[in-house]
Amino acid sequence: MPQLNPLPWFTILIFSWAVLLTLTPTKVLDHIQPNEFTLLDIKKYQNLNWTWQW
């Protein structure tokens, strides 16, 4: 019964996980911050309290 022999599928499993764990993080991390941040002017708004007349 060939499905009981773990050697062929176990090596393929380990090799595919090794490829995924080495290539995928570098490709994902390249697209996280492609540009530098530029700070915009922060406008400070006045908080006008509204007093109710009742």
PDB file of N, CA and C in Angstrom:
ATOM      1  N   MET A   1       0.839  -1.176   0.000  1.00  0.00           N
ATOM      2  CA  MET A   1       0.000   0.000   0.000  1.00  0.00           C
ATOM      3  C   MET A   1       0.890   1.249   0.000  1.00  0.00           C
ATOM      4  N   PRO A   2       0.915   1.978  -1.081  1.00  0.00           N
ATOM      5  CA  PRO A   2       1.841   3.116  -1.179  1.00  0.00           C
ATOM      6  C   PRO A   2       1.467   4.290  -0.285  1.00  0.00           C
ATOM      7  N   GLN A   3       0.207   4.427   0.116  1.00  0.00           N
ATOM      8  CA  GLN A   3      -0.161   5.572   0.932  1.00  0.00           C
ATOM      9  C   GLN A   3       0.387   5.459   2.358  1.00  0.00           C
ATOM     10  N   LEU A   4       0.823   4.286   2.774  1.00  0.00           N
ATOM     11  CA  LEU A   4       1.400   4.127   4.096  1.00  0.00           C
ATOM     12  C   LEU A   4       2.881   4.468   4.129  1.00  0.00           C
ATOM     13  N   ASN A   5       3.492   4.646   2.986  1.00  0.00           N
ATOM     14  CA  ASN A   5       4.905   5.009   2.932  1.00  0.00           C
ATOM     15  C   ASN A   5       5.006   6.535   3.048  1.00  0.00           C
ATOM     16  N   PRO A   6       5.492   7.074   4.168  1.00  0.00           N
ATOM     17  CA  PRO A   6       5.488   8.521   4.365  1.00  0.00           C
ATOM     18  C   PRO A   6       6.605   9.264   3.651  1.00  0.00           C
ATOM     19  N   LEU A   7       7.542   8.541   3.092  1.00  0.00           N
ATOM     20  CA  LEU A   7       8.709   9.217   2.533  1.00  0.00           C
ATOM     21  C   LEU A   7       8.384  10.142   1.357  1.00  0.00           C
ATOM     22  N   PRO A   8       7.642   9.765   0.326  1.00  0.00           N
ATOM     23  CA  PRO A   8       7.444  10.685  -0.803  1.00  0.00           C
ATOM     24  C   PRO A   8       6.624  11.928  -0.438  1.00  0.00           C
ATOM     25  N   TRP A   9       5.503  11.764   0.229  1.00  0.00           N
ATOM     26  CA  TRP A   9       4.661  12.925   0.485  1.00  0.00           C
ATOM     27  C   TRP A   9       5.191  13.774   1.625  1.00  0.00           C
ATOM     28  N   PHE A  10       5.933  13.177   2.566  1.00  0.00           N
ATOM     29  CA  PHE A  10       6.487  13.962   3.665  1.00  0.00           C
ATOM     30  C   PHE A  10       7.597  14.882   3.179  1.00  0.00           C
ATOM     31  N   THR A  11       8.422  14.421   2.255  1.00  0.00           N
ATOM     32  CA  THR A  11       9.484  15.291   1.727  1.00  0.00           C
ATOM     33  C   THR A  11       8.893  16.408   0.875  1.00  0.00           C
ATOM     34  N   ILE A  12       7.848  16.114   0.132  1.00  0.00           N
ATOM     35  CA  ILE A  12       7.186  17.154  -0.653  1.00  0.00           C
ATOM     36  C   ILE A  12       6.539  18.177   0.276  1.00  0.00           C
ATOM     37  N   LEU A  13       5.922  17.717   1.351  1.00  0.00           N
ATOM     38  CA  LEU A  13       5.309  18.614   2.321  1.00  0.00           C
ATOM     39  C   LEU A  13       6.347  19.529   2.964  1.00  0.00           C
ATOM     40  N   ILE A  14       7.461  18.972   3.399  1.00  0.00           N
ATOM     41  CA  ILE A  14       8.503  19.774   4.039  1.00  0.00           C
ATOM     42  C   ILE A  14       9.124  20.749   3.044  1.00  0.00           C
ATOM     43  N   PHE A  15       9.362  20.309   1.827  1.00  0.00           N
ATOM     44  CA  PHE A  15       9.956  21.189   0.819  1.00  0.00           C
ATOM     45  C   PHE A  15       9.009  22.329   0.448  1.00  0.00           C
ATOM     46  N   SER A  16       7.717  22.039   0.307  1.00  0.00           N
ATOM     47  CA  SER A  16       6.772  23.096  -0.064  1.00  0.00           C
ATOM     48  C   SER A  16       6.617  24.102   1.069  1.00  0.00           C
ATOM     49  N   TRP A  17       6.589  23.642   2.321  1.00  0.00           N
ATOM     50  CA  TRP A  17       6.513  24.578   3.440  1.00  0.00           C
ATOM     51  C   TRP A  17       7.781  25.414   3.548  1.00  0.00           C
ATOM     52  N   ALA A  18       8.921  24.815   3.260  1.00  0.00           N
ATOM     53  CA  ALA A  18      10.175  25.576   3.308  1.00  0.00           C
ATOM     54  C   ALA A  18      10.180  26.667   2.251  1.00  0.00           C
ATOM     55  N   VAL A  19       9.688  26.358   1.065  1.00  0.00           N
ATOM     56  CA  VAL A  19       9.616  27.364   0.002  1.00  0.00           C
ATOM     57  C   VAL A  19       8.634  28.463   0.375  1.00  0.00           C
ATOM     58  N   LEU A  20       7.478  28.091   0.887  1.00  0.00           N
ATOM     59  CA  LEU A  20       6.483  29.096   1.265  1.00  0.00           C
ATOM     60  C   LEU A  20       6.965  29.989   2.401  1.00  0.00           C
ATOM     61  N   LEU A  21       7.652  29.416   3.362  1.00  0.00           N
ATOM     62  CA  LEU A  21       8.101  30.213   4.502  1.00  0.00           C
ATOM     63  C   LEU A  21       9.317  31.076   4.191  1.00  0.00           C
ATOM     64  N   THR A  22      10.026  30.802   3.109  1.00  0.00           N
ATOM     65  CA  THR A  22      11.167  31.647   2.762  1.00  0.00           C
ATOM     66  C   THR A  22      10.821  32.701   1.711  1.00  0.00           C
ATOM     67  N   LEU A  23       9.935  32.397   0.792  1.00  0.00           N
ATOM     68  CA  LEU A  23       9.627  33.340  -0.279  1.00  0.00           C
ATOM     69  C   LEU A  23       8.463  34.272   0.054  1.00  0.00           C
ATOM     70  N   THR A  24       7.456  33.769   0.698  1.00  0.00           N
ATOM     71  CA  THR A  24       6.253  34.561   0.941  1.00  0.00           C
ATOM     72  C   THR A  24       6.490  35.769   1.843  1.00  0.00           C
ATOM     73  N   PRO A  25       7.180  35.659   2.985  1.00  0.00           N
ATOM     74  CA  PRO A  25       7.351  36.854   3.821  1.00  0.00           C
ATOM     75  C   PRO A  25       8.118  37.973   3.128  1.00  0.00           C
ATOM     76  N   THR A  26       9.097  37.656   2.301  1.00  0.00           N
ATOM     77  CA  THR A  26       9.836  38.717   1.621  1.00  0.00           C
ATOM     78  C   THR A  26       8.962  39.419   0.593  1.00  0.00           C
ATOM     79  N   LYS A  27       8.109  38.681  -0.093  1.00  0.00           N
ATOM     80  CA  LYS A  27       7.226  39.317  -1.072  1.00  0.00           C
ATOM     81  C   LYS A  27       6.146  40.146  -0.393  1.00  0.00           C
ATOM     82  N   VAL A  28       5.645  39.684   0.733  1.00  0.00           N
ATOM     83  CA  VAL A  28       4.611  40.427   1.444  1.00  0.00           C
ATOM     84  C   VAL A  28       5.196  41.678   2.081  1.00  0.00           C
ATOM     85  N   LEU A  29       6.359  41.579   2.678  1.00  0.00           N
ATOM     86  CA  LEU A  29       6.962  42.724   3.348  1.00  0.00           C
ATOM     87  C   LEU A  29       7.393  43.813   2.375  1.00  0.00           C
ATOM     88  N   ASP A  30       7.604  43.485   1.122  1.00  0.00           N
ATOM     89  CA  ASP A  30       7.947  44.504   0.124  1.00  0.00           C
ATOM     90  C   ASP A  30       6.768  45.432  -0.167  1.00  0.00           C
ATOM     91  N   HIS A  31       5.559  44.978   0.073  1.00  0.00           N
ATOM     92  CA  HIS A  31       4.380  45.765  -0.281  1.00  0.00           C
ATOM     93  C   HIS A  31       3.713  46.427   0.916  1.00  0.00           C
ATOM     94  N   ILE A  32       4.282  46.299   2.094  1.00  0.00           N
ATOM     95  CA  ILE A  32       3.627  46.887   3.262  1.00  0.00           C
ATOM     96  C   ILE A  32       3.790  48.397   3.270  1.00  0.00           C
ATOM     97  N   GLN A  33       5.008  48.905   3.163  1.00  0.00           N
ATOM     98  CA  GLN A  33       5.271  50.344   3.194  1.00  0.00           C
ATOM     99  C   GLN A  33       6.090  50.742   1.962  1.00  0.00           C
ATOM    100  N   PRO A  34       5.470  50.867   0.808  1.00  0.00           N
ATOM    101  CA  PRO A  34       6.256  51.217  -0.373  1.00  0.00           C
ATOM    102  C   PRO A  34       6.737  52.663  -0.373  1.00  0.00           C
ATOM    103  N   ASN A  35       6.031  53.561   0.295  1.00  0.00           N
ATOM    104  CA  ASN A  35       6.381  54.975   0.286  1.00  0.00           C
ATOM    105  C   ASN A  35       6.589  55.469   1.708  1.00  0.00           C
ATOM    106  N   GLU A  36       7.314  56.548   1.812  1.00  0.00           N
ATOM    107  CA  GLU A  36       7.508  57.176   3.112  1.00  0.00           C
ATOM    108  C   GLU A  36       6.282  58.020   3.453  1.00  0.00           C
ATOM    109  N   PHE A  37       6.032  58.161   4.733  1.00  0.00           N
ATOM    110  CA  PHE A  37       4.912  58.986   5.168  1.00  0.00           C
ATOM    111  C   PHE A  37       5.269  60.455   5.072  1.00  0.00           C
ATOM    112  N   THR A  38       4.301  61.261   4.705  1.00  0.00           N
ATOM    113  CA  THR A  38       4.453  62.706   4.771  1.00  0.00           C
ATOM    114  C   THR A  38       3.403  63.237   5.728  1.00  0.00           C
ATOM    115  N   LEU A  39       3.859  64.000   6.699  1.00  0.00           N
ATOM    116  CA  LEU A  39       2.927  64.522   7.681  1.00  0.00           C
ATOM    117  C   LEU A  39       2.177  65.718   7.110  1.00  0.00           C
ATOM    118  N   LEU A  40       0.885  65.704   7.262  1.00  0.00           N
ATOM    119  CA  LEU A  40       0.056  66.806   6.816  1.00  0.00           C
ATOM    120  C   LEU A  40      -0.091  67.804   7.949  1.00  0.00           C
ATOM    121  N   ASP A  41      -0.470  69.012   7.596  1.00  0.00           N
ATOM    122  CA  ASP A  41      -0.710  70.017   8.625  1.00  0.00           C
ATOM    123  C   ASP A  41      -1.935  69.613   9.438  1.00  0.00           C
ATOM    124  N   ILE A  42      -1.745  69.610  10.719  1.00  0.00           N
ATOM    125  CA  ILE A  42      -2.842  69.250  11.602  1.00  0.00           C
ATOM    126  C   ILE A  42      -3.526  70.536  12.042  1.00  0.00           C
ATOM    127  N   LYS A  43      -4.769  70.691  11.630  1.00  0.00           N
ATOM    128  CA  LYS A  43      -5.530  71.874  12.004  1.00  0.00           C
ATOM    129  C   LYS A  43      -6.196  71.616  13.342  1.00  0.00           C
ATOM    130  N   LYS A  44      -6.046  72.542  14.219  1.00  0.00           N
ATOM    131  CA  LYS A  44      -6.664  72.404  15.522  1.00  0.00           C
ATOM    132  C   LYS A  44      -7.971  73.198  15.509  1.00  0.00           C
ATOM    133  N   TYR A  45      -9.044  72.465  15.662  1.00  0.00           N
ATOM    134  CA  TYR A  45     -10.350  73.096  15.631  1.00  0.00           C
ATOM    135  C   TYR A  45     -10.731  73.540  17.037  1.00  0.00           C
ATOM    136  N   GLN A  46     -11.396  74.679  17.072  1.00  0.00           N
ATOM    137  CA  GLN A  46     -11.881  75.152  18.359  1.00  0.00           C
ATOM    138  C   GLN A  46     -13.138  74.378  18.723  1.00  0.00           C
ATOM    139  N   ASN A  47     -13.176  73.978  19.945  1.00  0.00           N
ATOM    140  CA  ASN A  47     -14.343  73.263  20.422  1.00  0.00           C
ATOM    141  C   ASN A  47     -15.318  74.283  20.983  1.00  0.00           C
ATOM    142  N   LEU A  48     -16.349  74.576  20.233  1.00  0.00           N
ATOM    143  CA  LEU A  48     -17.350  75.536  20.661  1.00  0.00           C
ATOM    144  C   LEU A  48     -18.448  74.804  21.411  1.00  0.00           C
ATOM    145  N   ASN A  49     -18.575  75.144  22.671  1.00  0.00           N
ATOM    146  CA  ASN A  49     -19.618  74.515  23.477  1.00  0.00           C
ATOM    147  C   ASN A  49     -20.962  75.139  23.146  1.00  0.00           C
ATOM    148  N   TRP A  50     -21.948  74.297  23.102  1.00  0.00           N
ATOM    149  CA  TRP A  50     -23.286  74.746  22.789  1.00  0.00           C
ATOM    150  C   TRP A  50     -24.097  74.649  24.076  1.00  0.00           C
ATOM    151  N   THR A  51     -24.415  75.786  24.610  1.00  0.00           N
ATOM    152  CA  THR A  51     -25.188  75.792  25.845  1.00  0.00           C
ATOM    153  C   THR A  51     -26.669  75.790  25.501  1.00  0.00           C
ATOM    154  N   TRP A  52     -27.367  74.870  26.030  1.00  0.00           N
ATOM    155  CA  TRP A  52     -28.803  74.747  25.776  1.00  0.00           C
ATOM    156  C   TRP A  52     -29.545  75.772  26.631  1.00  0.00           C
ATOM    157  N   GLN A  53     -30.598  76.305  26.097  1.00  0.00           N
ATOM    158  CA  GLN A  53     -31.360  77.340  26.773  1.00  0.00           C
ATOM    159  C   GLN A  53     -32.534  76.777  27.570  1.00  0.00           C
ATOM    160  N   TRP A  54     -32.510  75.587  28.010  1.00  0.00           N
ATOM    161  CA  TRP A  54     -33.625  74.978  28.741  1.00  0.00           C
ATOM    162  C   TRP A  54     -33.185  74.260  29.963  1.00  0.00           C
TER     163      TRP A  54
END
